[in-house]
C-alpha cells in the first residue's frame, strides 16, 4: 500500500494542474510553478531509484535513503503547491473582469491553503521512518483534497461570472435590435427571432444560476467532485443556450438589414 502513496500524490498534483488550465497566465509566477513541477519530477525519479536500490539490497542505509528521498519528494510537492497557489493569487490580482468581492473570496481561499503548508513541512521534517512518512502523506492527501475543492469552487464561480457577462452582452444586443425593429412596420419575423433569442438568454441565466449553486456546494466533507461536475454541466448547457441565442440574433439582424434596405 505504501508504494502507491506517492503515485497518488502525483495524480492529485496533475489533477490540480488540469483544473487550472482555464485560467490566464501571470508570467513569472507561472514560471516559478513550472520550475517547481520540474523539481518535483526530479525528486520523484530520485525516490523511485532509492526504492529500487532498497528492493535489490535492503540494507539499513538503503532503507534510510527511501525515507530521506521520500521526504524530499513531499517537500518538493509542497513547494510546487505553494508556487501554484502564488500563481493563482497573481492571476486573481490581474483579472480585471471579476468583481472585487469574488476576487477577495478567491484570495482568502488561497491564503487559507498557503497557511496549511508550514505545518505540513514540519510534519515531513519530523518523520523518522517510512511508517511515519506514510502517515504524514495521508494527512497531506487530506489537505490536497481541501485545496482542490477550494480551487474547483473558485474556478467555477469565475466561469459562472464570465458566462453571465456573455449573457449580458447578448441581452444588450437583443434589446438594441428590438428597439430598432420597433421602428419598422413589418417587424413580425424580426420580433419572433428576438423572442427566441430572449428565451434562450433567459434559460442560459437559469442554468448559470444552477451552476453557481452547485459550485457553492464544492466543499469537504461532501461530494465535491460530483458538485463540480454538475456545475460544469450546467455551464455547458448555458453555453449552448447562448450559442443558440446568438444564432437567432444574427438572423434577426439580417432580417432587420433587409427590411431597412427595402424601405429606402
C-alpha atoms as a PDB file:
ATOM      1  CA  UNK A   1       0.000   0.000   0.000  1.00  0.00           C
ATOM      2  CA  UNK A   2       2.812   2.416   0.895  1.00  0.00           C
ATOM      3  CA  UNK A   3       4.386   2.096  -2.541  1.00  0.00           C
ATOM      4  CA  UNK A   4       1.241   3.609  -4.052  1.00  0.00           C
ATOM      5  CA  UNK A   5       1.167   6.647  -1.744  1.00  0.00           C
ATOM      6  CA  UNK A   6       3.449   8.820  -3.819  1.00  0.00           C
ATOM      7  CA  UNK A   7       1.825   7.781  -7.091  1.00  0.00           C
ATOM      8  CA  UNK A   8      -1.479   9.053  -5.718  1.00  0.00           C
ATOM      9  CA  UNK A   9       0.179  12.340  -4.764  1.00  0.00           C
ATOM     10  CA  UNK A  10       1.429  12.868  -8.305  1.00  0.00           C
ATOM     11  CA  UNK A  11      -2.058  12.123  -9.676  1.00  0.00           C
ATOM     12  CA  UNK A  12      -3.554  14.755  -7.360  1.00  0.00           C
ATOM     13  CA  UNK A  13      -0.965  17.278  -8.469  1.00  0.00           C
ATOM     14  CA  UNK A  14      -1.781  16.553 -12.105  1.00  0.00           C
ATOM     15  CA  UNK A  15      -5.487  16.994 -11.362  1.00  0.00           C
ATOM     16  CA  UNK A  16      -4.763  20.363  -9.774  1.00  0.00           C
ATOM     17  CA  UNK A  17      -2.891  21.334 -12.922  1.00  0.00           C
ATOM     18  CA  UNK A  18      -5.845  20.323 -15.107  1.00  0.00           C
ATOM     19  CA  UNK A  19      -8.217  22.398 -13.019  1.00  0.00           C
ATOM     20  CA  UNK A  20      -6.047  25.445 -13.606  1.00  0.00           C
ATOM     21  CA  UNK A  21      -5.864  25.163 -17.406  1.00  0.00           C
ATOM     22  CA  UNK A  22      -8.758  27.553 -17.985  1.00  0.00           C
ATOM     23  CA  UNK A  23      -7.049  30.357 -16.092  1.00  0.00           C
ATOM     24  CA  UNK A  24      -4.857  33.100 -17.611  1.00  0.00           C
ATOM     25  CA  UNK A  25      -1.068  33.105 -17.305  1.00  0.00           C
ATOM     26  CA  UNK A  26       0.584  35.548 -14.891  1.00  0.00           C
ATOM     27  CA  UNK A  27       4.166  35.493 -16.142  1.00  0.00           C
ATOM     28  CA  UNK A  28       6.845  34.983 -13.547  1.00  0.00           C
ATOM     29  CA  UNK A  29       4.539  33.289 -11.021  1.00  0.00           C
ATOM     30  CA  UNK A  30       3.589  30.710 -13.621  1.00  0.00           C
ATOM     31  CA  UNK A  31       7.245  30.134 -14.491  1.00  0.00           C
ATOM     32  CA  UNK A  32       8.051  29.552 -10.820  1.00  0.00           C
ATOM     33  CA  UNK A  33       5.299  26.938 -10.698  1.00  0.00           C
ATOM     34  CA  UNK A  34       6.633  25.247 -13.837  1.00  0.00           C
ATOM     35  CA  UNK A  35      10.117  25.170 -12.300  1.00  0.00           C
ATOM     36  CA  UNK A  36       8.653  23.622  -9.158  1.00  0.00           C
ATOM     37  CA  UNK A  37       6.887  20.975 -11.240  1.00  0.00           C
ATOM     38  CA  UNK A  38      10.190  20.027 -12.828  1.00  0.00           C
ATOM     39  CA  UNK A  39      11.812  19.793  -9.392  1.00  0.00           C
ATOM     40  CA  UNK A  40       9.009  17.502  -8.182  1.00  0.00           C
ATOM     41  CA  UNK A  41       9.505  15.212 -11.169  1.00  0.00           C
ATOM     42  CA  UNK A  42      13.226  15.042 -10.447  1.00  0.00           C
ATOM     43  CA  UNK A  43      12.555  14.287  -6.766  1.00  0.00           C
ATOM     44  CA  UNK A  44      10.122  11.537  -7.765  1.00  0.00           C
ATOM     45  CA  UNK A  45      12.735   9.930 -10.032  1.00  0.00           C
ATOM     46  CA  UNK A  46      15.306  10.013  -7.218  1.00  0.00           C
ATOM     47  CA  UNK A  47      12.810   8.494  -4.781  1.00  0.00           C
ATOM     48  CA  UNK A  48      11.983   5.704  -7.236  1.00  0.00           C
ATOM     49  CA  UNK A  49      15.680   4.963  -7.721  1.00  0.00           C
ATOM     50  CA  UNK A  50      16.057   4.695  -3.936  1.00  0.00           C
ATOM     51  CA  UNK A  51      13.155   2.267  -3.737  1.00  0.00           C
ATOM     52  CA  UNK A  52      14.671   0.108  -6.463  1.00  0.00           C
ATOM     53  CA  UNK A  53      18.027   0.061  -4.657  1.00  0.00           C
ATOM     54  CA  UNK A  54      16.312  -0.866  -1.362  1.00  0.00           C
ATOM     55  CA  UNK A  55      14.408  -3.694  -3.075  1.00  0.00           C
ATOM     56  CA  UNK A  56      17.626  -5.076  -4.557  1.00  0.00           C
ATOM     57  CA  UNK A  57      19.636  -4.706  -1.340  1.00  0.00           C
ATOM     58  CA  UNK A  58      17.578  -3.885   1.816  1.00  0.00           C
ATOM     59  CA  UNK A  59      20.458  -2.577   3.898  1.00  0.00           C
ATOM     60  CA  UNK A  60      19.792  -0.031   6.680  1.00  0.00           C
ATOM     61  CA  UNK A  61      21.452   2.606   4.527  1.00  0.00           C
ATOM     62  CA  UNK A  62      19.200   1.860   1.554  1.00  0.00           C
ATOM     63  CA  UNK A  63      16.111   1.828   3.786  1.00  0.00           C
ATOM     64  CA  UNK A  64      17.063   5.216   5.184  1.00  0.00           C
ATOM     65  CA  UNK A  65      17.629   6.518   1.667  1.00  0.00           C
ATOM     66  CA  UNK A  66      13.998   5.689   0.847  1.00  0.00           C
ATOM     67  CA  UNK A  67      12.863   7.743   3.847  1.00  0.00           C
ATOM     68  CA  UNK A  68      15.160  10.639   3.021  1.00  0.00           C
ATOM     69  CA  UNK A  69      14.236  10.806  -0.655  1.00  0.00           C
ATOM     70  CA  UNK A  70      10.562  10.358   0.220  1.00  0.00           C
ATOM     71  CA  UNK A  71      10.768  13.380   2.484  1.00  0.00           C
ATOM     72  CA  UNK A  72      12.464  15.342  -0.269  1.00  0.00           C
ATOM     73  CA  UNK A  73       9.688  14.377  -2.650  1.00  0.00           C
ATOM     74  CA  UNK A  74       6.979  15.519  -0.259  1.00  0.00           C
ATOM     75  CA  UNK A  75       8.771  18.795   0.412  1.00  0.00           C
ATOM     76  CA  UNK A  76       9.131  19.343  -3.305  1.00  0.00           C
ATOM     77  CA  UNK A  77       5.426  18.642  -3.781  1.00  0.00           C
ATOM     78  CA  UNK A  78       4.633  21.215  -1.095  1.00  0.00           C
ATOM     79  CA  UNK A  79       6.896  23.721  -2.842  1.00  0.00           C
ATOM     80  CA  UNK A  80       5.017  23.050  -6.043  1.00  0.00           C
ATOM     81  CA  UNK A  81       1.702  23.582  -4.288  1.00  0.00           C
ATOM     82  CA  UNK A  82       2.949  26.880  -2.856  1.00  0.00           C
ATOM     83  CA  UNK A  83       4.165  28.069  -6.257  1.00  0.00           C
ATOM     84  CA  UNK A  84       0.855  27.095  -7.825  1.00  0.00           C
ATOM     85  CA  UNK A  85      -1.123  28.977  -5.155  1.00  0.00           C
ATOM     86  CA  UNK A  86       1.085  32.033  -5.666  1.00  0.00           C
ATOM     87  CA  UNK A  87       0.363  31.854  -9.382  1.00  0.00           C
ATOM     88  CA  UNK A  88      -3.382  31.678  -8.696  1.00  0.00           C
ATOM     89  CA  UNK A  89      -3.059  34.655  -6.358  1.00  0.00           C
ATOM     90  CA  UNK A  90      -1.266  36.674  -9.046  1.00  0.00           C
ATOM     91  CA  UNK A  91      -3.938  35.733 -11.569  1.00  0.00           C
ATOM     92  CA  UNK A  92      -6.670  36.925  -9.245  1.00  0.00           C
ATOM     93  CA  UNK A  93      -4.842  40.239  -8.827  1.00  0.00           C
ATOM     94  CA  UNK A  94      -4.535  40.678 -12.598  1.00  0.00           C
ATOM     95  CA  UNK A  95      -8.045  39.626 -13.594  1.00  0.00           C
ATOM     96  CA  UNK A  96      -9.904  42.879 -14.215  1.00  0.00           C
ATOM     97  CA  UNK A  97     -13.185  41.205 -15.174  1.00  0.00           C
ATOM     98  CA  UNK A  98     -14.153  39.602 -11.883  1.00  0.00           C
ATOM     99  CA  UNK A  99     -15.713  41.796  -9.162  1.00  0.00           C
ATOM    100  CA  UNK A 100     -13.746  42.761  -6.076  1.00  0.00           C
ATOM    101  CA  UNK A 101     -15.899  40.602  -3.775  1.00  0.00           C
ATOM    102  CA  UNK A 102     -15.218  37.441  -5.781  1.00  0.00           C
ATOM    103  CA  UNK A 103     -11.543  38.354  -6.122  1.00  0.00           C
ATOM    104  CA  UNK A 104     -11.234  38.722  -2.354  1.00  0.00           C
ATOM    105  CA  UNK A 105     -13.009  35.405  -1.770  1.00  0.00           C
ATOM    106  CA  UNK A 106     -10.537  33.674  -4.066  1.00  0.00           C
ATOM    107  CA  UNK A 107      -7.562  35.343  -2.389  1.00  0.00           C
ATOM    108  CA  UNK A 108      -8.903  34.356   1.059  1.00  0.00           C
ATOM    109  CA  UNK A 109      -9.127  30.711  -0.046  1.00  0.00           C
ATOM    110  CA  UNK A 110      -5.573  30.883  -1.391  1.00  0.00           C
ATOM    111  CA  UNK A 111      -4.296  32.410   1.857  1.00  0.00           C
ATOM    112  CA  UNK A 112      -6.052  29.715   3.890  1.00  0.00           C
ATOM    113  CA  UNK A 113      -4.379  26.972   1.863  1.00  0.00           C
ATOM    114  CA  UNK A 114      -0.964  28.648   1.999  1.00  0.00           C
ATOM    115  CA  UNK A 115      -1.308  28.764   5.782  1.00  0.00           C
ATOM    116  CA  UNK A 116      -1.540  24.961   5.873  1.00  0.00           C
ATOM    117  CA  UNK A 117       1.870  24.440   4.272  1.00  0.00           C
ATOM    118  CA  UNK A 118       4.256  25.274   7.172  1.00  0.00           C
ATOM    119  CA  UNK A 119       2.686  22.647   9.443  1.00  0.00           C
ATOM    120  CA  UNK A 120       2.858  20.061   6.671  1.00  0.00           C
ATOM    121  CA  UNK A 121       6.519  20.865   6.055  1.00  0.00           C
ATOM    122  CA  UNK A 122       7.261  20.431   9.763  1.00  0.00           C
ATOM    123  CA  UNK A 123       5.428  17.100   9.795  1.00  0.00           C
ATOM    124  CA  UNK A 124       7.512  15.903   6.851  1.00  0.00           C
ATOM    125  CA  UNK A 125      10.748  17.001   8.536  1.00  0.00           C
ATOM    126  CA  UNK A 126       9.817  15.173  11.741  1.00  0.00           C
ATOM    127  CA  UNK A 127       9.049  11.861  10.027  1.00  0.00           C
ATOM    128  CA  UNK A 128      11.738   9.368  11.077  1.00  0.00           C
ATOM    129  CA  UNK A 129      10.732   6.233   9.169  1.00  0.00           C
ATOM    130  CA  UNK A 130       8.528   5.026   6.341  1.00  0.00           C
ATOM    131  CA  UNK A 131       5.527   4.450   8.597  1.00  0.00           C
ATOM    132  CA  UNK A 132       5.630   8.000   9.952  1.00  0.00           C
ATOM    133  CA  UNK A 133       6.210   9.351   6.470  1.00  0.00           C
ATOM    134  CA  UNK A 134       3.191   7.384   5.239  1.00  0.00           C
ATOM    135  CA  UNK A 135       1.030   8.885   7.989  1.00  0.00           C
ATOM    136  CA  UNK A 136       2.216  12.370   7.060  1.00  0.00           C
ATOM    137  CA  UNK A 137       1.404  11.605   3.443  1.00  0.00           C
ATOM    138  CA  UNK A 138      -2.159  10.649   4.363  1.00  0.00           C
ATOM    139  CA  UNK A 139      -2.532  13.984   6.162  1.00  0.00           C
ATOM    140  CA  UNK A 140      -1.108  15.759   3.139  1.00  0.00           C
ATOM    141  CA  UNK A 141      -3.586  13.996   0.870  1.00  0.00           C
ATOM    142  CA  UNK A 142      -6.442  15.286   3.013  1.00  0.00           C
ATOM    143  CA  UNK A 143      -5.131  18.837   2.709  1.00  0.00           C
ATOM    144  CA  UNK A 144      -4.789  18.422  -1.038  1.00  0.00           C
ATOM    145  CA  UNK A 145      -8.426  17.405  -1.302  1.00  0.00           C
ATOM    146  CA  UNK A 146      -9.354  20.561   0.606  1.00  0.00           C
ATOM    147  CA  UNK A 147      -7.171  22.587  -1.747  1.00  0.00           C
ATOM    148  CA  UNK A 148      -8.712  21.019  -4.835  1.00  0.00           C
ATOM    149  CA  UNK A 149     -12.207  21.656  -3.502  1.00  0.00           C
ATOM    150  CA  UNK A 150     -11.392  25.343  -2.983  1.00  0.00           C
ATOM    151  CA  UNK A 151      -9.795  25.578  -6.426  1.00  0.00           C
ATOM    152  CA  UNK A 152     -12.763  23.931  -8.122  1.00  0.00           C
ATOM    153  CA  UNK A 153     -15.240  26.133  -6.253  1.00  0.00           C
ATOM    154  CA  UNK A 154     -13.388  29.349  -7.081  1.00  0.00           C
ATOM    155  CA  UNK A 155     -12.804  28.370 -10.711  1.00  0.00           C
ATOM    156  CA  UNK A 156     -16.484  27.549 -11.100  1.00  0.00           C
ATOM    157  CA  UNK A 157     -17.501  30.910  -9.679  1.00  0.00           C
ATOM    158  CA  UNK A 158     -15.172  32.700 -12.091  1.00  0.00           C
ATOM    159  CA  UNK A 159     -16.533  30.743 -15.056  1.00  0.00           C
ATOM    160  CA  UNK A 160     -20.113  31.456 -13.939  1.00  0.00           C
ATOM    161  CA  UNK A 161     -19.410  35.169 -13.632  1.00  0.00           C
ATOM    162  CA  UNK A 162     -17.818  35.348 -17.069  1.00  0.00           C
ATOM    163  CA  UNK A 163     -20.681  33.358 -18.585  1.00  0.00           C
ATOM    164  CA  UNK A 164     -23.033  35.922 -17.031  1.00  0.00           C
ATOM    165  CA  UNK A 165     -21.078  38.674 -18.805  1.00  0.00           C
ATOM    166  CA  UNK A 166     -21.660  36.865 -22.093  1.00  0.00           C
ATOM    167  CA  UNK A 167     -25.362  36.614 -21.327  1.00  0.00           C
ATOM    168  CA  UNK A 168     -25.447  40.341 -20.514  1.00  0.00           C
ATOM    169  CA  UNK A 169     -23.777  41.155 -23.836  1.00  0.00           C
ATOM    170  CA  UNK A 170     -26.294  39.033 -25.727  1.00  0.00           C
ATOM    171  CA  UNK A 171     -29.175  40.662 -23.835  1.00  0.00           C
ATOM    172  CA  UNK A 172     -27.885  44.165 -24.645  1.00  0.00           C
ATOM    173  CA  UNK A 173     -27.641  43.280 -28.344  1.00  0.00           C
ATOM    174  CA  UNK A 174     -31.146  41.814 -28.264  1.00  0.00           C
ATOM    175  CA  UNK A 175     -32.520  44.995 -26.670  1.00  0.00           C
ATOM    176  CA  UNK A 176     -30.823  47.179 -29.294  1.00  0.00           C
ATOM    177  CA  UNK A 177     -32.189  45.079 -32.153  1.00  0.00           C
ATOM    178  CA  UNK A 178     -35.677  45.105 -30.625  1.00  0.00           C
ATOM    179  CA  UNK A 179     -35.603  48.888 -30.302  1.00  0.00           C
ATOM    180  CA  UNK A 180     -34.628  49.190 -33.965  1.00  0.00           C
ATOM    181  CA  UNK A 181     -37.240  46.622 -35.032  1.00  0.00           C
ATOM    182  CA  UNK A 182     -39.984  48.512 -33.241  1.00  0.00           C
ATOM    183  CA  UNK A 183     -39.446  51.346 -35.699  1.00  0.00           C
ATOM    184  CA  UNK A 184     -40.253  49.121 -38.670  1.00  0.00           C
ATOM    185  CA  UNK A 185     -43.816  48.425 -39.767  1.00  0.00           C
ATOM    186  CA  UNK A 186     -43.356  44.835 -40.948  1.00  0.00           C
ATOM    187  CA  UNK A 187     -41.378  43.523 -37.976  1.00  0.00           C
ATOM    188  CA  UNK A 188     -43.232  40.301 -37.130  1.00  0.00           C
ATOM    189  CA  UNK A 189     -40.494  37.929 -38.325  1.00  0.00           C
ATOM    190  CA  UNK A 190     -37.785  40.032 -36.664  1.00  0.00           C
ATOM    191  CA  UNK A 191     -39.553  40.115 -33.311  1.00  0.00           C
ATOM    192  CA  UNK A 192     -40.146  36.361 -33.497  1.00  0.00           C
ATOM    193  CA  UNK A 193     -36.401  35.761 -33.805  1.00  0.00           C
ATOM    194  CA  UNK A 194     -35.732  38.197 -30.972  1.00  0.00           C
ATOM    195  CA  UNK A 195     -38.289  36.438 -28.784  1.00  0.00           C
ATOM    196  CA  UNK A 196     -36.492  33.144 -29.418  1.00  0.00           C
ATOM    197  CA  UNK A 197     -33.156  34.759 -28.588  1.00  0.00           C
ATOM    198  CA  UNK A 198     -34.583  36.277 -25.402  1.00  0.00           C
ATOM    199  CA  UNK A 199     -35.918  32.901 -24.306  1.00  0.00           C
ATOM    200  CA  UNK A 200     -32.518  31.265 -24.834  1.00  0.00           C
ATOM    201  CA  UNK A 201     -30.789  34.030 -22.873  1.00  0.00           C
ATOM    202  CA  UNK A 202     -33.265  33.610 -20.020  1.00  0.00           C
ATOM    203  CA  UNK A 203     -32.693  29.855 -19.973  1.00  0.00           C
ATOM    204  CA  UNK A 204     -28.931  30.435 -20.018  1.00  0.00           C
ATOM    205  CA  UNK A 205     -29.231  32.671 -16.948  1.00  0.00           C
ATOM    206  CA  UNK A 206     -31.184  29.961 -15.150  1.00  0.00           C
ATOM    207  CA  UNK A 207     -28.506  27.397 -15.957  1.00  0.00           C
ATOM    208  CA  UNK A 208     -25.758  29.771 -14.845  1.00  0.00           C
ATOM    209  CA  UNK A 209     -27.566  30.263 -11.527  1.00  0.00           C
ATOM    210  CA  UNK A 210     -27.870  26.478 -11.181  1.00  0.00           C
ATOM    211  CA  UNK A 211     -24.144  26.137 -11.867  1.00  0.00           C
ATOM    212  CA  UNK A 212     -23.304  28.684  -9.178  1.00  0.00           C
ATOM    213  CA  UNK A 213     -25.476  26.795  -6.689  1.00  0.00           C
ATOM    214  CA  UNK A 214     -23.601  23.570  -7.454  1.00  0.00           C
ATOM    215  CA  UNK A 215     -20.199  25.245  -7.186  1.00  0.00           C
ATOM    216  CA  UNK A 216     -21.125  26.624  -3.765  1.00  0.00           C
ATOM    217  CA  UNK A 217     -21.550  23.008  -2.643  1.00  0.00           C
ATOM    218  CA  UNK A 218     -17.994  22.035  -3.671  1.00  0.00           C
ATOM    219  CA  UNK A 219     -16.814  21.548  -0.092  1.00  0.00           C
ATOM    220  CA  UNK A 220     -15.279  18.886   2.121  1.00  0.00           C
ATOM    221  CA  UNK A 221     -16.899  16.922   3.672  1.00  0.00           C
ATOM    222  CA  UNK A 222     -19.401  16.256   0.939  1.00  0.00           C
ATOM    223  CA  UNK A 223     -19.278  15.205  -2.694  1.00  0.00           C
ATOM    224  CA  UNK A 224     -17.160  17.997  -4.212  1.00  0.00           C
ATOM    225  CA  UNK A 225     -16.269  16.207  -7.448  1.00  0.00           C
ATOM    226  CA  UNK A 226     -19.921  15.455  -8.187  1.00  0.00           C
ATOM    227  CA  UNK A 227     -20.999  19.017  -7.416  1.00  0.00           C
ATOM    228  CA  UNK A 228     -18.179  20.404  -9.544  1.00  0.00           C
ATOM    229  CA  UNK A 229     -19.180  18.158 -12.445  1.00  0.00           C
ATOM    230  CA  UNK A 230     -22.811  19.209 -12.029  1.00  0.00           C
ATOM    231  CA  UNK A 231     -21.814  22.869 -12.162  1.00  0.00           C
ATOM    232  CA  UNK A 232     -19.769  22.270 -15.292  1.00  0.00           C
ATOM    233  CA  UNK A 233     -22.711  20.529 -16.953  1.00  0.00           C
ATOM    234  CA  UNK A 234     -24.997  23.470 -16.230  1.00  0.00           C
ATOM    235  CA  UNK A 235     -22.436  25.874 -17.700  1.00  0.00           C
ATOM    236  CA  UNK A 236     -22.087  23.733 -20.826  1.00  0.00           C
ATOM    237  CA  UNK A 237     -25.859  23.864 -21.256  1.00  0.00           C
ATOM    238  CA  UNK A 238     -25.813  27.630 -20.675  1.00  0.00           C
ATOM    239  CA  UNK A 239     -23.117  27.975 -23.315  1.00  0.00           C
ATOM    240  CA  UNK A 240     -25.332  26.063 -25.747  1.00  0.00           C
ATOM    241  CA  UNK A 241     -28.222  28.386 -24.898  1.00  0.00           C
ATOM    242  CA  UNK A 242     -26.089  31.431 -25.670  1.00  0.00           C
ATOM    243  CA  UNK A 243     -24.860  29.940 -28.942  1.00  0.00           C
ATOM    244  CA  UNK A 244     -28.489  29.416 -29.963  1.00  0.00           C
ATOM    245  CA  UNK A 245     -29.328  32.956 -28.834  1.00  0.00           C
ATOM    246  CA  UNK A 246     -26.557  34.398 -30.994  1.00  0.00           C
ATOM    247  CA  UNK A 247     -27.889  32.410 -33.943  1.00  0.00           C
ATOM    248  CA  UNK A 248     -31.334  33.938 -33.518  1.00  0.00           C
ATOM    249  CA  UNK A 249     -29.828  37.400 -33.033  1.00  0.00           C
ATOM    250  CA  UNK A 250     -27.860  37.082 -36.259  1.00  0.00           C
ATOM    251  CA  UNK A 251     -30.993  36.031 -38.095  1.00  0.00           C
ATOM    252  CA  UNK A 252     -32.895  38.986 -36.627  1.00  0.00           C
ATOM    253  CA  UNK A 253     -30.073  41.313 -37.654  1.00  0.00           C
ATOM    254  CA  UNK A 254     -30.171  40.056 -41.240  1.00  0.00           C
ATOM    255  CA  UNK A 255     -33.939  40.472 -41.394  1.00  0.00           C
ATOM    256  CA  UNK A 256     -33.630  43.946 -39.928  1.00  0.00           C
ATOM    257  CA  UNK A 257     -30.996  44.855 -42.503  1.00  0.00           C
ATOM    258  CA  UNK A 258     -33.175  43.559 -45.328  1.00  0.00           C
ATOM    259  CA  UNK A 259     -36.193  45.455 -44.007  1.00  0.00           C
ATOM    260  CA  UNK A 260     -34.168  48.641 -43.696  1.00  0.00           C
ATOM    261  CA  UNK A 261     -32.785  48.276 -47.199  1.00  0.00           C
ATOM    262  CA  UNK A 262     -36.176  47.625 -48.752  1.00  0.00           C
ATOM    263  CA  UNK A 263     -37.610  50.775 -47.128  1.00  0.00           C
ATOM    264  CA  UNK A 264     -35.118  53.050 -48.886  1.00  0.00           C
END
